[in-house]
Amino acid sequence: MFEGQFGPHVVNGKIEGYKIARVSDDHIFAKLGARNGDIVRRVNGYGLNDLERLMDLYKALKTMPEAKIELERDGKPVTYIFQIRN
């Protein structure tokens, strides 16, 4: 079953977010509004500049009251704010 493919978005040799290469319609990211080609830049104000940071934020989402996701879509900034119910 296909879910999603993601990878670092590299500019001038530095990671500047994570690009959603492909995401299936039933994946949680798609249900939250993500699209193929989106570049996730920041989560709750923290830049996504390495895999360790990405994994730390992913784990922390379980206890956060809300998540502010800043991404780039077709060269334009888009921000989503999600209330997290644990």
N, C-alpha and C. Protein backbone atom coordinates (compact mmCIF):
# COMPACT_ATOMS: atom_id res chain seq x y z
N MET A 1 0.84 -1.19 0.00
CA MET A 1 0.00 0.00 0.00
C MET A 1 0.88 1.24 0.00
N PHE A 2 0.69 2.11 -0.94
CA PHE A 2 1.46 3.36 -1.05
C PHE A 2 0.91 4.38 -0.07
N GLU A 3 1.78 5.06 0.63
CA GLU A 3 1.34 6.12 1.54
C GLU A 3 1.96 7.46 1.17
N GLY A 4 3.28 7.55 1.21
CA GLY A 4 3.89 8.83 0.90
C GLY A 4 5.39 8.72 0.74
N GLN A 5 5.92 9.66 -0.02
CA GLN A 5 7.36 9.76 -0.18
C GLN A 5 7.76 11.20 0.12
N PHE A 6 8.76 11.34 1.00
CA PHE A 6 9.20 12.64 1.44
C PHE A 6 10.72 12.66 1.40
N GLY A 7 11.29 13.83 1.22
CA GLY A 7 12.74 13.92 1.24
C GLY A 7 13.18 15.34 1.49
N PRO A 8 14.45 15.50 1.84
CA PRO A 8 14.96 16.85 2.12
C PRO A 8 14.92 17.73 0.88
N HIS A 9 14.59 18.99 1.09
CA HIS A 9 14.63 20.00 0.03
C HIS A 9 15.94 20.75 0.23
N VAL A 10 16.89 20.54 -0.68
CA VAL A 10 18.24 21.08 -0.53
C VAL A 10 18.44 22.28 -1.46
N VAL A 11 18.94 23.39 -0.87
CA VAL A 11 19.26 24.60 -1.62
C VAL A 11 20.69 24.98 -1.27
N ASN A 12 21.53 25.11 -2.28
CA ASN A 12 22.95 25.46 -2.07
C ASN A 12 23.62 24.56 -1.04
N GLY A 13 23.31 23.26 -1.10
CA GLY A 13 23.94 22.29 -0.21
C GLY A 13 23.38 22.23 1.19
N LYS A 14 22.32 22.98 1.50
CA LYS A 14 21.73 23.00 2.84
C LYS A 14 20.26 22.57 2.77
N ILE A 15 19.84 21.81 3.78
CA ILE A 15 18.44 21.40 3.86
C ILE A 15 17.61 22.60 4.30
N GLU A 16 16.58 22.92 3.51
CA GLU A 16 15.69 24.04 3.82
C GLU A 16 14.24 23.58 3.87
N GLY A 17 14.01 22.43 4.46
CA GLY A 17 12.67 21.89 4.57
C GLY A 17 12.61 20.51 3.98
N TYR A 18 11.40 19.95 3.97
CA TYR A 18 11.19 18.61 3.44
C TYR A 18 10.09 18.65 2.40
N LYS A 19 10.37 18.08 1.23
CA LYS A 19 9.44 18.11 0.12
C LYS A 19 8.61 16.84 0.10
N ILE A 20 7.33 17.03 -0.12
CA ILE A 20 6.41 15.90 -0.29
C ILE A 20 6.46 15.54 -1.76
N ALA A 21 7.12 14.43 -2.05
CA ALA A 21 7.27 14.01 -3.44
C ALA A 21 5.97 13.39 -3.95
N ARG A 22 5.42 12.49 -3.13
CA ARG A 22 4.14 11.86 -3.47
C ARG A 22 3.42 11.53 -2.18
N VAL A 23 2.13 11.74 -2.18
CA VAL A 23 1.32 11.38 -1.02
C VAL A 23 -0.01 10.82 -1.52
N SER A 24 -0.40 9.67 -0.99
CA SER A 24 -1.65 9.05 -1.43
C SER A 24 -2.84 9.77 -0.79
N ASP A 25 -3.97 9.65 -1.42
CA ASP A 25 -5.17 10.34 -0.95
C ASP A 25 -5.59 9.91 0.46
N ASP A 26 -5.24 8.69 0.87
CA ASP A 26 -5.66 8.22 2.19
C ASP A 26 -4.62 8.47 3.28
N HIS A 27 -3.49 9.08 2.93
CA HIS A 27 -2.45 9.40 3.92
C HIS A 27 -2.93 10.57 4.78
N ILE A 28 -2.54 10.56 6.07
CA ILE A 28 -2.98 11.62 6.99
C ILE A 28 -2.58 13.00 6.49
N PHE A 29 -1.40 13.14 5.87
CA PHE A 29 -0.97 14.44 5.36
C PHE A 29 -1.91 14.94 4.27
N ALA A 30 -2.35 14.04 3.39
CA ALA A 30 -3.29 14.44 2.34
C ALA A 30 -4.62 14.86 2.95
N LYS A 31 -5.06 14.14 3.96
CA LYS A 31 -6.32 14.48 4.61
C LYS A 31 -6.23 15.84 5.31
N LEU A 32 -5.01 16.23 5.71
CA LEU A 32 -4.82 17.52 6.35
C LEU A 32 -4.60 18.65 5.35
N GLY A 33 -4.55 18.31 4.06
CA GLY A 33 -4.44 19.35 3.04
C GLY A 33 -3.13 19.38 2.28
N ALA A 34 -2.17 18.52 2.61
CA ALA A 34 -0.89 18.51 1.91
C ALA A 34 -1.06 18.00 0.48
N ARG A 35 -0.21 18.50 -0.40
CA ARG A 35 -0.26 18.10 -1.80
C ARG A 35 1.13 17.70 -2.27
N ASN A 36 1.16 16.90 -3.33
CA ASN A 36 2.44 16.57 -3.95
C ASN A 36 3.16 17.85 -4.33
N GLY A 37 4.45 17.92 -4.01
CA GLY A 37 5.25 19.09 -4.35
C GLY A 37 5.35 20.13 -3.25
N ASP A 38 4.51 20.04 -2.21
CA ASP A 38 4.62 20.97 -1.09
C ASP A 38 5.97 20.82 -0.41
N ILE A 39 6.52 21.92 0.07
CA ILE A 39 7.76 21.90 0.83
C ILE A 39 7.44 22.39 2.24
N VAL A 40 7.56 21.50 3.21
CA VAL A 40 7.30 21.87 4.61
C VAL A 40 8.55 22.59 5.11
N ARG A 41 8.39 23.86 5.49
CA ARG A 41 9.52 24.70 5.90
C ARG A 41 9.73 24.77 7.41
N ARG A 42 8.61 24.91 8.15
CA ARG A 42 8.71 25.09 9.61
C ARG A 42 7.54 24.41 10.29
N VAL A 43 7.79 23.97 11.53
CA VAL A 43 6.74 23.42 12.39
C VAL A 43 6.87 24.13 13.73
N ASN A 44 5.79 24.81 14.12
CA ASN A 44 5.77 25.59 15.37
C ASN A 44 6.97 26.54 15.45
N GLY A 45 7.33 27.13 14.34
CA GLY A 45 8.41 28.11 14.31
C GLY A 45 9.80 27.53 14.15
N TYR A 46 9.94 26.21 14.20
CA TYR A 46 11.25 25.58 14.08
C TYR A 46 11.51 25.17 12.63
N GLY A 47 12.63 25.63 12.10
CA GLY A 47 13.01 25.26 10.75
C GLY A 47 13.35 23.79 10.66
N LEU A 48 13.05 23.20 9.53
CA LEU A 48 13.36 21.79 9.32
C LEU A 48 14.65 21.70 8.51
N ASN A 49 15.77 21.75 9.22
CA ASN A 49 17.05 21.79 8.51
C ASN A 49 17.88 20.52 8.67
N ASP A 50 17.33 19.51 9.35
CA ASP A 50 18.01 18.21 9.39
C ASP A 50 17.02 17.14 9.82
N LEU A 51 17.37 15.89 9.53
CA LEU A 51 16.47 14.78 9.81
C LEU A 51 16.22 14.62 11.31
N GLU A 52 17.22 14.87 12.13
CA GLU A 52 17.06 14.75 13.58
C GLU A 52 15.99 15.71 14.09
N ARG A 53 16.02 16.95 13.62
CA ARG A 53 15.01 17.95 14.02
C ARG A 53 13.63 17.49 13.57
N LEU A 54 13.54 16.99 12.36
CA LEU A 54 12.26 16.51 11.85
C LEU A 54 11.70 15.40 12.73
N MET A 55 12.53 14.45 13.10
CA MET A 55 12.08 13.34 13.93
C MET A 55 11.70 13.81 15.34
N ASP A 56 12.46 14.74 15.90
CA ASP A 56 12.13 15.28 17.23
C ASP A 56 10.77 15.97 17.21
N LEU A 57 10.52 16.77 16.18
CA LEU A 57 9.24 17.47 16.08
C LEU A 57 8.09 16.49 15.87
N TYR A 58 8.33 15.46 15.06
CA TYR A 58 7.30 14.46 14.81
C TYR A 58 6.90 13.78 16.11
N LYS A 59 7.88 13.40 16.93
CA LYS A 59 7.60 12.77 18.22
C LYS A 59 6.88 13.73 19.16
N ALA A 60 7.28 14.99 19.16
CA ALA A 60 6.70 15.99 20.06
C ALA A 60 5.26 16.33 19.71
N LEU A 61 4.85 16.11 18.46
CA LEU A 61 3.49 16.43 18.05
C LEU A 61 2.44 15.72 18.91
N LYS A 62 2.81 14.58 19.45
CA LYS A 62 1.86 13.81 20.26
C LYS A 62 1.43 14.54 21.52
N THR A 63 2.26 15.46 22.01
CA THR A 63 1.93 16.16 23.25
C THR A 63 1.68 17.66 23.06
N MET A 64 1.77 18.15 21.85
CA MET A 64 1.54 19.58 21.58
C MET A 64 0.04 19.86 21.52
N PRO A 65 -0.40 21.01 22.04
CA PRO A 65 -1.81 21.35 21.93
C PRO A 65 -2.22 21.77 20.52
N GLU A 66 -1.26 22.32 19.78
CA GLU A 66 -1.52 22.68 18.39
C GLU A 66 -0.22 22.63 17.60
N ALA A 67 -0.37 22.55 16.29
CA ALA A 67 0.79 22.55 15.41
C ALA A 67 0.58 23.59 14.32
N LYS A 68 1.56 24.45 14.16
CA LYS A 68 1.55 25.44 13.09
C LYS A 68 2.54 24.96 12.03
N ILE A 69 2.01 24.62 10.87
CA ILE A 69 2.83 24.09 9.78
C ILE A 69 2.95 25.16 8.70
N GLU A 70 4.19 25.55 8.42
CA GLU A 70 4.45 26.53 7.37
C GLU A 70 5.06 25.80 6.19
N LEU A 71 4.44 25.95 5.04
CA LEU A 71 4.94 25.28 3.86
C LEU A 71 4.94 26.20 2.66
N GLU A 72 5.57 25.73 1.62
CA GLU A 72 5.61 26.46 0.36
C GLU A 72 4.89 25.61 -0.67
N ARG A 73 3.94 26.23 -1.37
CA ARG A 73 3.19 25.55 -2.42
C ARG A 73 3.23 26.42 -3.66
N ASP A 74 3.78 25.87 -4.72
CA ASP A 74 3.91 26.61 -5.98
C ASP A 74 4.60 27.96 -5.77
N GLY A 75 5.63 27.98 -4.91
CA GLY A 75 6.41 29.19 -4.67
C GLY A 75 5.78 30.19 -3.72
N LYS A 76 4.61 29.85 -3.16
CA LYS A 76 3.92 30.77 -2.26
C LYS A 76 3.80 30.16 -0.86
N PRO A 77 3.90 31.00 0.19
CA PRO A 77 3.77 30.48 1.56
C PRO A 77 2.33 30.13 1.90
N VAL A 78 2.16 29.02 2.61
CA VAL A 78 0.86 28.57 3.09
C VAL A 78 1.06 28.15 4.54
N THR A 79 0.15 28.55 5.43
CA THR A 79 0.25 28.18 6.83
C THR A 79 -1.02 27.47 7.26
N TYR A 80 -0.84 26.35 7.95
CA TYR A 80 -1.94 25.61 8.54
C TYR A 80 -1.73 25.58 10.04
N ILE A 81 -2.81 25.72 10.80
CA ILE A 81 -2.76 25.55 12.24
C ILE A 81 -3.76 24.47 12.61
N PHE A 82 -3.25 23.43 13.28
CA PHE A 82 -4.07 22.29 13.65
C PHE A 82 -4.16 22.18 15.16
N GLN A 83 -5.36 21.99 15.67
CA GLN A 83 -5.56 21.68 17.08
C GLN A 83 -5.34 20.19 17.24
N ILE A 84 -4.54 19.79 18.21
CA ILE A 84 -4.24 18.38 18.40
C ILE A 84 -5.00 17.89 19.63
N ARG A 85 -5.77 16.85 19.42
CA ARG A 85 -6.55 16.26 20.51
C ARG A 85 -5.90 14.93 20.86
N ASN A 86 -5.42 14.83 22.07
CA ASN A 86 -4.75 13.59 22.50
C ASN A 86 -5.72 12.66 23.19
